C-alpha atoms as a PDB file:
ATOM      1  CA  UNK A   1     101.162 -64.190 -14.338  1.00  0.00           C
ATOM      2  CA  UNK A   2     104.228 -62.151 -13.894  1.00  0.00           C
ATOM      3  CA  UNK A   3     106.976 -62.200 -16.621  1.00  0.00           C
ATOM      4  CA  UNK A   4     110.421 -61.485 -16.328  1.00  0.00           C
ATOM      5  CA  UNK A   5     110.904 -63.172 -13.382  1.00  0.00           C
ATOM      6  CA  UNK A   6     112.486 -66.263 -11.564  1.00  0.00           C
ATOM      7  CA  UNK A   7     109.683 -69.067 -10.965  1.00  0.00           C
ATOM      8  CA  UNK A   8     110.283 -72.431  -8.786  1.00  0.00           C
ATOM      9  CA  UNK A   9     110.653 -75.269 -11.263  1.00  0.00           C
ATOM     10  CA  UNK A  10     111.461 -78.445  -9.231  1.00  0.00           C
ATOM     11  CA  UNK A  11     113.645 -80.059  -6.672  1.00  0.00           C
ATOM     12  CA  UNK A  12     116.872 -81.280  -7.880  1.00  0.00           C
ATOM     13  CA  UNK A  13     116.432 -84.471  -6.358  1.00  0.00           C
ATOM     14  CA  UNK A  14     113.541 -84.916  -8.838  1.00  0.00           C
ATOM     15  CA  UNK A  15     116.135 -84.666 -11.766  1.00  0.00           C
ATOM     16  CA  UNK A  16     118.843 -87.270 -11.561  1.00  0.00           C
ATOM     17  CA  UNK A  17     121.268 -87.576 -14.412  1.00  0.00           C
ATOM     18  CA  UNK A  18     119.665 -88.734 -17.856  1.00  0.00           C
ATOM     19  CA  UNK A  19     116.045 -87.952 -16.234  1.00  0.00           C
ATOM     20  CA  UNK A  20     113.276 -85.845 -18.319  1.00  0.00           C
ATOM     21  CA  UNK A  21     110.425 -84.516 -16.301  1.00  0.00           C
ATOM     22  CA  UNK A  22     107.534 -83.035 -17.739  1.00  0.00           C
ATOM     23  CA  UNK A  23     105.616 -79.745 -16.110  1.00  0.00           C
ATOM     24  CA  UNK A  24     102.828 -77.529 -17.362  1.00  0.00           C
ATOM     25  CA  UNK A  25     103.852 -74.334 -15.953  1.00  0.00           C
ATOM     26  CA  UNK A  26     103.031 -70.763 -16.519  1.00  0.00           C
ATOM     27  CA  UNK A  27     100.729 -72.018 -19.624  1.00  0.00           C
ATOM     28  CA  UNK A  28     103.484 -73.645 -21.048  1.00  0.00           C
ATOM     29  CA  UNK A  29     104.545 -77.218 -21.545  1.00  0.00           C
ATOM     30  CA  UNK A  30     108.015 -77.656 -20.094  1.00  0.00           C
ATOM     31  CA  UNK A  31     110.386 -80.401 -20.091  1.00  0.00           C
ATOM     32  CA  UNK A  32     113.362 -80.395 -17.598  1.00  0.00           C
ATOM     33  CA  UNK A  33     116.034 -82.405 -18.073  1.00  0.00           C
ATOM     34  CA  UNK A  34     119.682 -83.300 -16.905  1.00  0.00           C
ATOM     35  CA  UNK A  35     122.159 -84.503 -19.487  1.00  0.00           C
ATOM     36  CA  UNK A  36     124.760 -87.213 -18.763  1.00  0.00           C
ATOM     37  CA  UNK A  37     127.423 -84.351 -17.466  1.00  0.00           C
ATOM     38  CA  UNK A  38     125.082 -83.128 -14.990  1.00  0.00           C
ATOM     39  CA  UNK A  39     123.809 -79.845 -16.719  1.00  0.00           C
ATOM     40  CA  UNK A  40     120.229 -78.902 -16.134  1.00  0.00           C
ATOM     41  CA  UNK A  41     117.914 -77.545 -18.896  1.00  0.00           C
ATOM     42  CA  UNK A  42     114.504 -76.544 -19.565  1.00  0.00           C
ATOM     43  CA  UNK A  43     113.025 -76.606 -22.899  1.00  0.00           C
ATOM     44  CA  UNK A  44     109.365 -76.131 -24.453  1.00  0.00           C
ATOM     45  CA  UNK A  45     107.655 -79.720 -24.514  1.00  0.00           C
ATOM     46  CA  UNK A  46     107.090 -79.746 -28.197  1.00  0.00           C
ATOM     47  CA  UNK A  47     108.961 -81.280 -30.908  1.00  0.00           C
ATOM     48  CA  UNK A  48     108.931 -78.602 -34.027  1.00  0.00           C
ATOM     49  CA  UNK A  49     108.613 -81.485 -36.400  1.00  0.00           C
ATOM     50  CA  UNK A  50     105.258 -83.100 -35.243  1.00  0.00           C
ATOM     51  CA  UNK A  51     104.363 -81.880 -31.693  1.00  0.00           C
ATOM     52  CA  UNK A  52     105.192 -84.953 -30.015  1.00  0.00           C
ATOM     53  CA  UNK A  53     106.012 -84.120 -26.240  1.00  0.00           C
ATOM     54  CA  UNK A  54     110.094 -83.932 -26.007  1.00  0.00           C
ATOM     55  CA  UNK A  55     109.776 -85.599 -22.476  1.00  0.00           C
ATOM     56  CA  UNK A  56     108.827 -88.614 -24.077  1.00  0.00           C
ATOM     57  CA  UNK A  57     112.152 -89.087 -25.453  1.00  0.00           C
ATOM     58  CA  UNK A  58     115.407 -89.754 -24.071  1.00  0.00           C
ATOM     59  CA  UNK A  59     118.951 -88.093 -22.939  1.00  0.00           C
ATOM     60  CA  UNK A  60     121.295 -88.964 -25.498  1.00  0.00           C
ATOM     61  CA  UNK A  61     124.845 -87.803 -24.105  1.00  0.00           C
ATOM     62  CA  UNK A  62     124.293 -83.860 -23.948  1.00  0.00           C
ATOM     63  CA  UNK A  63     121.511 -83.947 -26.207  1.00  0.00           C
ATOM     64  CA  UNK A  64     117.420 -84.813 -25.833  1.00  0.00           C
ATOM     65  CA  UNK A  65     116.148 -87.410 -28.612  1.00  0.00           C
ATOM     66  CA  UNK A  66     112.625 -87.178 -29.667  1.00  0.00           C
ATOM     67  CA  UNK A  67     110.810 -90.541 -29.605  1.00  0.00           C
ATOM     68  CA  UNK A  68     108.949 -90.272 -33.052  1.00  0.00           C
ATOM     69  CA  UNK A  69     111.676 -89.540 -35.504  1.00  0.00           C
ATOM     70  CA  UNK A  70     114.810 -89.601 -33.407  1.00  0.00           C
ATOM     71  CA  UNK A  71     115.506 -85.614 -33.968  1.00  0.00           C
ATOM     72  CA  UNK A  72     117.947 -84.322 -31.459  1.00  0.00           C
ATOM     73  CA  UNK A  73     118.195 -81.009 -29.584  1.00  0.00           C
ATOM     74  CA  UNK A  74     120.693 -79.344 -27.359  1.00  0.00           C
ATOM     75  CA  UNK A  75     120.109 -77.745 -23.972  1.00  0.00           C
ATOM     76  CA  UNK A  76     119.354 -74.158 -25.901  1.00  0.00           C
ATOM     77  CA  UNK A  77     116.607 -75.942 -28.046  1.00  0.00           C
ATOM     78  CA  UNK A  78     118.707 -76.008 -31.133  1.00  0.00           C
ATOM     79  CA  UNK A  79     118.264 -79.106 -33.299  1.00  0.00           C
ATOM     80  CA  UNK A  80     121.433 -80.893 -33.758  1.00  0.00           C
ATOM     81  CA  UNK A  81     120.441 -83.737 -35.658  1.00  0.00           C
ATOM     82  CA  UNK A  82     117.714 -85.356 -38.183  1.00  0.00           C
ATOM     83  CA  UNK A  83     118.610 -89.095 -38.642  1.00  0.00           C
ATOM     84  CA  UNK A  84     116.410 -89.787 -41.627  1.00  0.00           C
ATOM     85  CA  UNK A  85     118.043 -86.865 -43.773  1.00  0.00           C
ATOM     86  CA  UNK A  86     119.953 -88.182 -46.646  1.00  0.00           C
ATOM     87  CA  UNK A  87     123.288 -86.198 -47.496  1.00  0.00           C
ATOM     88  CA  UNK A  88     121.324 -84.936 -50.670  1.00  0.00           C
ATOM     89  CA  UNK A  89     118.862 -83.157 -48.159  1.00  0.00           C
ATOM     90  CA  UNK A  90     119.915 -79.421 -47.941  1.00  0.00           C
ATOM     91  CA  UNK A  91     118.034 -79.033 -44.543  1.00  0.00           C
ATOM     92  CA  UNK A  92     119.729 -76.228 -42.287  1.00  0.00           C
ATOM     93  CA  UNK A  93     119.222 -77.530 -39.012  1.00  0.00           C
ATOM     94  CA  UNK A  94     120.240 -73.930 -37.196  1.00  0.00           C
ATOM     95  CA  UNK A  95     116.837 -72.775 -38.318  1.00  0.00           C
ATOM     96  CA  UNK A  96     115.033 -75.523 -36.409  1.00  0.00           C
ATOM     97  CA  UNK A  97     114.521 -75.160 -32.622  1.00  0.00           C
ATOM     98  CA  UNK A  98     112.339 -75.283 -29.556  1.00  0.00           C
ATOM     99  CA  UNK A  99     112.246 -72.419 -26.939  1.00  0.00           C
ATOM    100  CA  UNK A 100     114.655 -73.116 -24.232  1.00  0.00           C
ATOM    101  CA  UNK A 101     114.230 -71.318 -20.769  1.00  0.00           C
ATOM    102  CA  UNK A 102     117.226 -69.986 -18.730  1.00  0.00           C
ATOM    103  CA  UNK A 103     117.414 -72.191 -15.544  1.00  0.00           C
ATOM    104  CA  UNK A 104     119.534 -71.695 -12.306  1.00  0.00           C
ATOM    105  CA  UNK A 105     120.173 -74.603  -9.561  1.00  0.00           C
ATOM    106  CA  UNK A 106     121.305 -73.763  -6.288  1.00  0.00           C
ATOM    107  CA  UNK A 107     120.453 -74.924  -2.725  1.00  0.00           C
ATOM    108  CA  UNK A 108     118.912 -78.323  -4.229  1.00  0.00           C
ATOM    109  CA  UNK A 109     115.973 -76.011  -6.228  1.00  0.00           C
ATOM    110  CA  UNK A 110     115.899 -75.343  -9.968  1.00  0.00           C
ATOM    111  CA  UNK A 111     114.678 -72.108 -10.950  1.00  0.00           C
ATOM    112  CA  UNK A 112     113.363 -70.994 -14.641  1.00  0.00           C
ATOM    113  CA  UNK A 113     113.050 -67.716 -15.954  1.00  0.00           C
ATOM    114  CA  UNK A 114     109.872 -66.612 -17.535  1.00  0.00           C
ATOM    115  CA  UNK A 115     110.077 -63.715 -19.737  1.00  0.00           C
ATOM    116  CA  UNK A 116     112.554 -61.997 -22.054  1.00  0.00           C
ATOM    117  CA  UNK A 117     116.222 -61.849 -21.772  1.00  0.00           C
ATOM    118  CA  UNK A 118     118.337 -64.147 -19.553  1.00  0.00           C
ATOM    119  CA  UNK A 119     117.317 -62.948 -15.757  1.00  0.00           C
ATOM    120  CA  UNK A 120     121.164 -62.157 -15.252  1.00  0.00           C
ATOM    121  CA  UNK A 121     120.131 -59.076 -13.342  1.00  0.00           C
ATOM    122  CA  UNK A 122     117.342 -60.161 -11.492  1.00  0.00           C
ATOM    123  CA  UNK A 123     117.958 -62.226  -7.988  1.00  0.00           C
ATOM    124  CA  UNK A 124     116.008 -65.439  -7.402  1.00  0.00           C
ATOM    125  CA  UNK A 125     115.193 -66.056  -3.795  1.00  0.00           C
ATOM    126  CA  UNK A 126     118.090 -67.392  -1.558  1.00  0.00           C
ATOM    127  CA  UNK A 127     117.339 -69.611   1.464  1.00  0.00           C
ATOM    128  CA  UNK A 128     119.235 -68.129   4.580  1.00  0.00           C
ATOM    129  CA  UNK A 129     121.527 -70.287   6.772  1.00  0.00           C
ATOM    130  CA  UNK A 130     121.592 -73.371   4.519  1.00  0.00           C
ATOM    131  CA  UNK A 131     124.173 -72.412   2.347  1.00  0.00           C
ATOM    132  CA  UNK A 132     124.144 -74.549  -0.674  1.00  0.00           C
ATOM    133  CA  UNK A 133     122.360 -77.839   0.952  1.00  0.00           C
ATOM    134  CA  UNK A 134     119.522 -79.538  -0.230  1.00  0.00           C
ATOM    135  CA  UNK A 135     116.059 -79.612   1.337  1.00  0.00           C
ATOM    136  CA  UNK A 136     115.358 -82.495   3.740  1.00  0.00           C
ATOM    137  CA  UNK A 137     111.604 -82.382   2.766  1.00  0.00           C
ATOM    138  CA  UNK A 138     109.915 -81.152  -0.279  1.00  0.00           C
ATOM    139  CA  UNK A 139     106.016 -81.395  -0.693  1.00  0.00           C
ATOM    140  CA  UNK A 140     104.066 -80.216  -3.883  1.00  0.00           C
ATOM    141  CA  UNK A 141     100.285 -79.858  -4.189  1.00  0.00           C
ATOM    142  CA  UNK A 142      98.289 -78.412  -7.080  1.00  0.00           C
ATOM    143  CA  UNK A 143      95.926 -75.789  -5.650  1.00  0.00           C
ATOM    144  CA  UNK A 144      92.644 -75.286  -7.993  1.00  0.00           C
ATOM    145  CA  UNK A 145      92.813 -71.364  -8.103  1.00  0.00           C
ATOM    146  CA  UNK A 146      94.968 -68.723  -9.576  1.00  0.00           C
ATOM    147  CA  UNK A 147      98.400 -67.991  -8.256  1.00  0.00           C
ATOM    148  CA  UNK A 148      96.726 -64.479  -6.717  1.00  0.00           C
ATOM    149  CA  UNK A 149      94.520 -66.407  -4.796  1.00  0.00           C
ATOM    150  CA  UNK A 150      97.340 -68.919  -3.691  1.00  0.00           C
ATOM    151  CA  UNK A 151      99.742 -65.943  -2.757  1.00  0.00           C
ATOM    152  CA  UNK A 152      96.940 -64.209  -0.851  1.00  0.00           C
ATOM    153  CA  UNK A 153      96.518 -67.226   1.203  1.00  0.00           C
ATOM    154  CA  UNK A 154     100.112 -67.531   1.676  1.00  0.00           C
ATOM    155  CA  UNK A 155     100.495 -64.231   3.194  1.00  0.00           C
ATOM    156  CA  UNK A 156      97.076 -64.372   5.288  1.00  0.00           C
ATOM    157  CA  UNK A 157      97.881 -64.569   9.085  1.00  0.00           C
ATOM    158  CA  UNK A 158      93.879 -64.768   9.998  1.00  0.00           C
ATOM    159  CA  UNK A 159      93.232 -68.142   8.472  1.00  0.00           C
ATOM    160  CA  UNK A 160      95.654 -69.983  10.803  1.00  0.00           C
ATOM    161  CA  UNK A 161      93.236 -70.790  13.743  1.00  0.00           C
ATOM    162  CA  UNK A 162      90.487 -71.875  11.668  1.00  0.00           C
ATOM    163  CA  UNK A 163      92.465 -73.875   9.086  1.00  0.00           C
ATOM    164  CA  UNK A 164      95.297 -75.384  10.800  1.00  0.00           C
ATOM    165  CA  UNK A 165      94.167 -75.688  14.358  1.00  0.00           C
ATOM    166  CA  UNK A 166      95.758 -79.024  15.394  1.00  0.00           C
ATOM    167  CA  UNK A 167      96.550 -80.664  18.729  1.00  0.00           C
ATOM    168  CA  UNK A 168     100.025 -80.825  17.468  1.00  0.00           C
ATOM    169  CA  UNK A 169     100.312 -77.298  16.007  1.00  0.00           C
ATOM    170  CA  UNK A 170      98.449 -74.736  18.231  1.00  0.00           C
ATOM    171  CA  UNK A 171      95.889 -75.362  20.838  1.00  0.00           C
ATOM    172  CA  UNK A 172      92.435 -73.543  20.828  1.00  0.00           C
ATOM    173  CA  UNK A 173      93.076 -70.566  22.913  1.00  0.00           C
ATOM    174  CA  UNK A 174      91.637 -67.096  23.170  1.00  0.00           C
ATOM    175  CA  UNK A 175      92.923 -64.558  20.553  1.00  0.00           C
ATOM    176  CA  UNK A 176      95.642 -62.278  21.289  1.00  0.00           C
ATOM    177  CA  UNK A 177      96.739 -58.913  19.542  1.00  0.00           C
ATOM    178  CA  UNK A 178      99.774 -59.400  17.288  1.00  0.00           C
ATOM    179  CA  UNK A 179     102.371 -56.868  16.861  1.00  0.00           C
ATOM    180  CA  UNK A 180     104.740 -57.120  13.990  1.00  0.00           C
ATOM    181  CA  UNK A 181     106.922 -55.118  12.098  1.00  0.00           C
ATOM    182  CA  UNK A 182     107.944 -54.879   8.225  1.00  0.00           C
ATOM    183  CA  UNK A 183     110.210 -53.694   6.057  1.00  0.00           C
ATOM    184  CA  UNK A 184     110.633 -53.629   2.242  1.00  0.00           C
ATOM    185  CA  UNK A 185     112.919 -56.318   0.469  1.00  0.00           C
ATOM    186  CA  UNK A 186     114.404 -55.549  -3.046  1.00  0.00           C
ATOM    187  CA  UNK A 187     111.281 -58.025  -4.357  1.00  0.00           C
ATOM    188  CA  UNK A 188     109.124 -57.731  -1.543  1.00  0.00           C
ATOM    189  CA  UNK A 189     108.731 -57.417   2.159  1.00  0.00           C
ATOM    190  CA  UNK A 190     109.864 -58.979   5.583  1.00  0.00           C
ATOM    191  CA  UNK A 191     108.525 -59.545   8.983  1.00  0.00           C
ATOM    192  CA  UNK A 192     111.643 -58.679  10.959  1.00  0.00           C
ATOM    193  CA  UNK A 193     112.747 -61.013  13.858  1.00  0.00           C
ATOM    194  CA  UNK A 194     110.457 -61.479  16.643  1.00  0.00           C
ATOM    195  CA  UNK A 195     109.970 -64.047  19.415  1.00  0.00           C
ATOM    196  CA  UNK A 196     108.112 -67.118  18.448  1.00  0.00           C
ATOM    197  CA  UNK A 197     104.177 -67.320  19.468  1.00  0.00           C
ATOM    198  CA  UNK A 198     104.180 -69.240  22.779  1.00  0.00           C
ATOM    199  CA  UNK A 199     101.479 -71.235  21.550  1.00  0.00           C
ATOM    200  CA  UNK A 200     103.433 -72.614  18.517  1.00  0.00           C
ATOM    201  CA  UNK A 201     105.011 -75.521  20.264  1.00  0.00           C
ATOM    202  CA  UNK A 202     106.712 -77.102  17.363  1.00  0.00           C
ATOM    203  CA  UNK A 203     108.840 -73.981  16.867  1.00  0.00           C
ATOM    204  CA  UNK A 204     110.365 -74.931  20.244  1.00  0.00           C
ATOM    205  CA  UNK A 205     112.290 -77.925  18.669  1.00  0.00           C
ATOM    206  CA  UNK A 206     114.935 -75.702  17.351  1.00  0.00           C
ATOM    207  CA  UNK A 207     115.665 -74.279  20.975  1.00  0.00           C
ATOM    208  CA  UNK A 208     115.009 -72.406  23.668  1.00  0.00           C
ATOM    209  CA  UNK A 209     113.562 -68.834  22.913  1.00  0.00           C
ATOM    210  CA  UNK A 210     113.499 -69.075  19.057  1.00  0.00           C
ATOM    211  CA  UNK A 211     113.173 -66.102  16.866  1.00  0.00           C
ATOM    212  CA  UNK A 212     111.460 -65.782  13.578  1.00  0.00           C
ATOM    213  CA  UNK A 213     111.593 -63.833  10.268  1.00  0.00           C
ATOM    214  CA  UNK A 214     109.217 -64.175   7.299  1.00  0.00           C
ATOM    215  CA  UNK A 215     110.337 -62.828   3.841  1.00  0.00           C
ATOM    216  CA  UNK A 216     107.728 -62.861   0.995  1.00  0.00           C
ATOM    217  CA  UNK A 217     109.146 -61.890  -2.701  1.00  0.00           C
ATOM    218  CA  UNK A 218     107.652 -61.850  -6.017  1.00  0.00           C
ATOM    219  CA  UNK A 219     106.282 -63.751  -7.643  1.00  0.00           C
ATOM    220  CA  UNK A 220     105.023 -65.929  -4.976  1.00  0.00           C
ATOM    221  CA  UNK A 221     107.644 -67.171  -2.352  1.00  0.00           C
ATOM    222  CA  UNK A 222     107.624 -67.207   1.175  1.00  0.00           C
ATOM    223  CA  UNK A 223     110.528 -68.121   3.146  1.00  0.00           C
ATOM    224  CA  UNK A 224     110.125 -68.843   7.166  1.00  0.00           C
ATOM    225  CA  UNK A 225     113.273 -68.981   9.337  1.00  0.00           C
ATOM    226  CA  UNK A 226     113.409 -69.892  12.674  1.00  0.00           C
ATOM    227  CA  UNK A 227     116.824 -69.446  14.975  1.00  0.00           C
ATOM    228  CA  UNK A 228     117.878 -70.594  18.521  1.00  0.00           C
ATOM    229  CA  UNK A 229     121.427 -70.283  18.803  1.00  0.00           C
ATOM    230  CA  UNK A 230     123.750 -72.130  16.697  1.00  0.00           C
ATOM    231  CA  UNK A 231     120.172 -74.053  15.024  1.00  0.00           C
ATOM    232  CA  UNK A 232     118.097 -73.140  12.482  1.00  0.00           C
ATOM    233  CA  UNK A 233     114.932 -74.306  10.699  1.00  0.00           C
ATOM    234  CA  UNK A 234     113.912 -72.617   7.321  1.00  0.00           C
ATOM    235  CA  UNK A 235     110.987 -73.458   5.207  1.00  0.00           C
ATOM    236  CA  UNK A 236     110.058 -72.168   1.825  1.00  0.00           C
ATOM    237  CA  UNK A 237     106.961 -71.940   0.377  1.00  0.00           C
ATOM    238  CA  UNK A 238     106.795 -71.533  -3.605  1.00  0.00           C
ATOM    239  CA  UNK A 239     103.653 -70.794  -5.689  1.00  0.00           C
ATOM    240  CA  UNK A 240     104.267 -71.238  -9.425  1.00  0.00           C
ATOM    241  CA  UNK A 241     101.081 -70.903 -11.677  1.00  0.00           C
ATOM    242  CA  UNK A 242     100.100 -73.927 -13.719  1.00  0.00           C
ATOM    243  CA  UNK A 243      97.490 -72.155 -15.924  1.00  0.00           C
ATOM    244  CA  UNK A 244      94.987 -69.116 -15.268  1.00  0.00           C
ATOM    245  CA  UNK A 245      93.083 -71.450 -12.963  1.00  0.00           C
ATOM    246  CA  UNK A 246      95.839 -73.778 -10.981  1.00  0.00           C
ATOM    247  CA  UNK A 247      98.707 -73.130  -8.863  1.00  0.00           C
ATOM    248  CA  UNK A 248     101.534 -75.317  -8.009  1.00  0.00           C
ATOM    249  CA  UNK A 249     102.341 -74.952  -4.477  1.00  0.00           C
ATOM    250  CA  UNK A 250     105.603 -76.658  -3.166  1.00  0.00           C
ATOM    251  CA  UNK A 251     106.880 -76.618   0.426  1.00  0.00           C
ATOM    252  CA  UNK A 252     110.559 -77.236   1.141  1.00  0.00           C
ATOM    253  CA  UNK A 253     112.289 -77.600   4.851  1.00  0.00           C
ATOM    254  CA  UNK A 254     115.681 -77.324   5.643  1.00  0.00           C
ATOM    255  CA  UNK A 255     117.307 -77.770   9.449  1.00  0.00           C
ATOM    256  CA  UNK A 256     120.294 -77.894  11.174  1.00  0.00           C
ATOM    257  CA  UNK A 257     119.099 -80.398  14.150  1.00  0.00           C
ATOM    258  CA  UNK A 258     120.801 -83.643  13.595  1.00  0.00           C
ATOM    259  CA  UNK A 259     118.019 -85.443  15.690  1.00  0.00           C
ATOM    260  CA  UNK A 260     115.212 -84.117  13.466  1.00  0.00           C
ATOM    261  CA  UNK A 261     116.860 -86.032  10.446  1.00  0.00           C
ATOM    262  CA  UNK A 262     116.529 -89.152  12.493  1.00  0.00           C
ATOM    263  CA  UNK A 263     112.781 -88.688  13.059  1.00  0.00           C
ATOM    264  CA  UNK A 264     111.968 -87.670   9.423  1.00  0.00           C
ATOM    265  CA  UNK A 265     109.755 -90.511   8.828  1.00  0.00           C
ATOM    266  CA  UNK A 266     107.739 -89.104  11.827  1.00  0.00           C
ATOM    267  CA  UNK A 267     107.541 -85.655  10.687  1.00  0.00           C
ATOM    268  CA  UNK A 268     106.502 -86.244   6.971  1.00  0.00           C
ATOM    269  CA  UNK A 269     102.893 -87.244   7.875  1.00  0.00           C
ATOM    270  CA  UNK A 270     102.365 -83.928   9.905  1.00  0.00           C
ATOM    271  CA  UNK A 271     103.804 -82.066   7.002  1.00  0.00           C
ATOM    272  CA  UNK A 272     101.156 -83.448   4.466  1.00  0.00           C
ATOM    273  CA  UNK A 273      98.389 -83.397   6.886  1.00  0.00           C
ATOM    274  CA  UNK A 274      99.287 -79.211   7.315  1.00  0.00           C
ATOM    275  CA  UNK A 275      99.547 -78.851   3.757  1.00  0.00           C
ATOM    276  CA  UNK A 276      96.565 -80.846   2.849  1.00  0.00           C
ATOM    277  CA  UNK A 277      94.573 -78.456   5.448  1.00  0.00           C
ATOM    278  CA  UNK A 278      95.369 -75.672   2.820  1.00  0.00           C
ATOM    279  CA  UNK A 279      94.569 -77.605  -0.227  1.00  0.00           C
ATOM    280  CA  UNK A 280      90.939 -78.472   1.338  1.00  0.00           C
ATOM    281  CA  UNK A 281      90.096 -74.458   2.135  1.00  0.00           C
ATOM    282  CA  UNK A 282      91.635 -73.726  -1.658  1.00  0.00           C
ATOM    283  CA  UNK A 283      89.126 -76.401  -3.040  1.00  0.00           C
ATOM    284  CA  UNK A 284      86.310 -74.937  -1.203  1.00  0.00           C
ATOM    285  CA  UNK A 285      87.169 -71.558  -2.303  1.00  0.00           C
ATOM    286  CA  UNK A 286      87.487 -72.578  -5.883  1.00  0.00           C
ATOM    287  CA  UNK A 287      83.542 -73.826  -5.669  1.00  0.00           C
ATOM    288  CA  UNK A 288      82.617 -70.228  -4.543  1.00  0.00           C
ATOM    289  CA  UNK A 289      85.026 -68.441  -7.171  1.00  0.00           C
ATOM    290  CA  UNK A 290      83.085 -70.148 -10.070  1.00  0.00           C
ATOM    291  CA  UNK A 291      80.104 -67.637  -9.326  1.00  0.00           C
ATOM    292  CA  UNK A 292      82.859 -64.551  -9.927  1.00  0.00           C
ATOM    293  CA  UNK A 293      82.055 -62.823  -6.742  1.00  0.00           C
ATOM    294  CA  UNK A 294      83.257 -59.037  -5.687  1.00  0.00           C
ATOM    295  CA  UNK A 295      85.973 -59.608  -3.205  1.00  0.00           C
ATOM    296  CA  UNK A 296      87.078 -57.536  -0.383  1.00  0.00           C
ATOM    297  CA  UNK A 297      90.446 -57.008   1.704  1.00  0.00           C
ATOM    298  CA  UNK A 298      89.850 -55.227   4.788  1.00  0.00           C
ATOM    299  CA  UNK A 299      92.138 -54.129   7.528  1.00  0.00           C
ATOM    300  CA  UNK A 300      95.604 -54.999   8.670  1.00  0.00           C
ATOM    301  CA  UNK A 301      95.252 -58.625   8.774  1.00  0.00           C
ATOM    302  CA  UNK A 302      94.816 -58.098   4.870  1.00  0.00           C
ATOM    303  CA  UNK A 303      97.306 -55.628   4.559  1.00  0.00           C
ATOM    304  CA  UNK A 304     100.059 -58.151   3.255  1.00  0.00           C
ATOM    305  CA  UNK A 305      97.842 -59.325   0.598  1.00  0.00           C
ATOM    306  CA  UNK A 306      97.210 -55.153  -0.606  1.00  0.00           C
ATOM    307  CA  UNK A 307     100.973 -54.969  -0.493  1.00  0.00           C
ATOM    308  CA  UNK A 308     101.444 -57.946  -2.778  1.00  0.00           C
ATOM    309  CA  UNK A 309      98.939 -56.621  -5.347  1.00  0.00           C
ATOM    310  CA  UNK A 310     100.909 -53.031  -4.986  1.00  0.00           C
ATOM    311  CA  UNK A 311     104.432 -54.494  -5.860  1.00  0.00           C
ATOM    312  CA  UNK A 312     102.874 -56.778  -8.353  1.00  0.00           C
ATOM    313  CA  UNK A 313     101.227 -53.954 -10.352  1.00  0.00           C
ATOM    314  CA  UNK A 314     104.470 -51.862  -9.965  1.00  0.00           C
ATOM    315  CA  UNK A 315     106.420 -54.902 -11.592  1.00  0.00           C
ATOM    316  CA  UNK A 316     104.275 -55.310 -14.213  1.00  0.00           C
ATOM    317  CA  UNK A 317     103.967 -51.578 -14.881  1.00  0.00           C
ATOM    318  CA  UNK A 318     107.824 -50.915 -14.902  1.00  0.00           C
ATOM    319  CA  UNK A 319     108.404 -53.730 -17.153  1.00  0.00           C
ATOM    320  CA  UNK A 320     105.789 -52.143 -19.790  1.00  0.00           C
ATOM    321  CA  UNK A 321     107.469 -49.101 -19.854  1.00  0.00           C
ATOM    322  CA  UNK A 322     111.023 -50.587 -19.826  1.00  0.00           C
ATOM    323  CA  UNK A 323     112.065 -49.033 -16.255  1.00  0.00           C
ATOM    324  CA  UNK A 324     113.916 -50.704 -13.069  1.00  0.00           C
ATOM    325  CA  UNK A 325     111.470 -51.963 -10.667  1.00  0.00           C
ATOM    326  CA  UNK A 326     111.382 -49.651  -7.600  1.00  0.00           C
ATOM    327  CA  UNK A 327     109.695 -51.273  -4.560  1.00  0.00           C
ATOM    328  CA  UNK A 328     106.891 -48.715  -3.286  1.00  0.00           C
ATOM    329  CA  UNK A 329     106.671 -50.050   0.183  1.00  0.00           C
ATOM    330  CA  UNK A 330     107.643 -48.523   3.454  1.00  0.00           C
ATOM    331  CA  UNK A 331     108.289 -49.703   6.700  1.00  0.00           C
ATOM    332  CA  UNK A 332     105.072 -50.426   8.775  1.00  0.00           C
ATOM    333  CA  UNK A 333     103.980 -51.953  12.020  1.00  0.00           C
ATOM    334  CA  UNK A 334     100.633 -54.152  11.721  1.00  0.00           C
ATOM    335  CA  UNK A 335      98.171 -55.463  14.294  1.00  0.00           C
ATOM    336  CA  UNK A 336      95.527 -58.278  14.175  1.00  0.00           C
ATOM    337  CA  UNK A 337      94.090 -60.951  16.368  1.00  0.00           C
ATOM    338  CA  UNK A 338      94.623 -64.537  16.216  1.00  0.00           C
END
């Protein structure tokens, strides 16, 4: 797992005022909460008194109250009260705390910082075109593989005709050579704008002659944008490690087409079906990975996966030596058949 980087936590709509939500992410128990004033926070989900999950407690104004003995903590994780103490008890509350994670809330998404410092100088992914609007659809699935396998699947163009072949997505057809151009970005790489594939019929709901560009950024975020005139669709898929062997993968969708919002109940089953196809293949892969096989990445269809490992290793190396990350990738053109 990469450290000193922003990870996807949850969507804002899952965290109304006064709500506490437990997540295990990056091998840590985390409680996300929203105070009465609307402030979002994330704390290690363990009370330092007896280890009870703080997510079982309640929001009391701007503090979180533990359900066991009523200890309270502010959004920085600092203990603010122990009800059972008498005035004679000389206990210093400022020495009692639980770890706090930095959070940012934007575009209907809550990101959390995993690592040292506050992440002020490191960008988190930004979805283009959507301004500060919230996603219209969000769907999360757990994949029984580590984040590397989840991300390799995310940037892999060769699995599509085998895993996602559907009457409503792509009809069976003869393979064609695809030529795509790529350029480096601050935290990853981008497939530059190109005409949408003619056999991807759903792209045409945005309008005539849609253009597509796809961006990948560490630690595991893929953003696909489709534009046709003034209309757009943006989809973000974010991989967050749960632990070493499981990954939370969340897909979010934004669009500008009014009539698409009206038919959202019809779209929803197709979204779940599409992502369930990925989940099913990862479940099969997990069965094989139990035997620790030697794996290979081959040719240009796997080049994006190789880029992922290259920039991930460079991020890790620069963090260890205390240097600034410099993307080692260059502009490139790739070809594959699909």
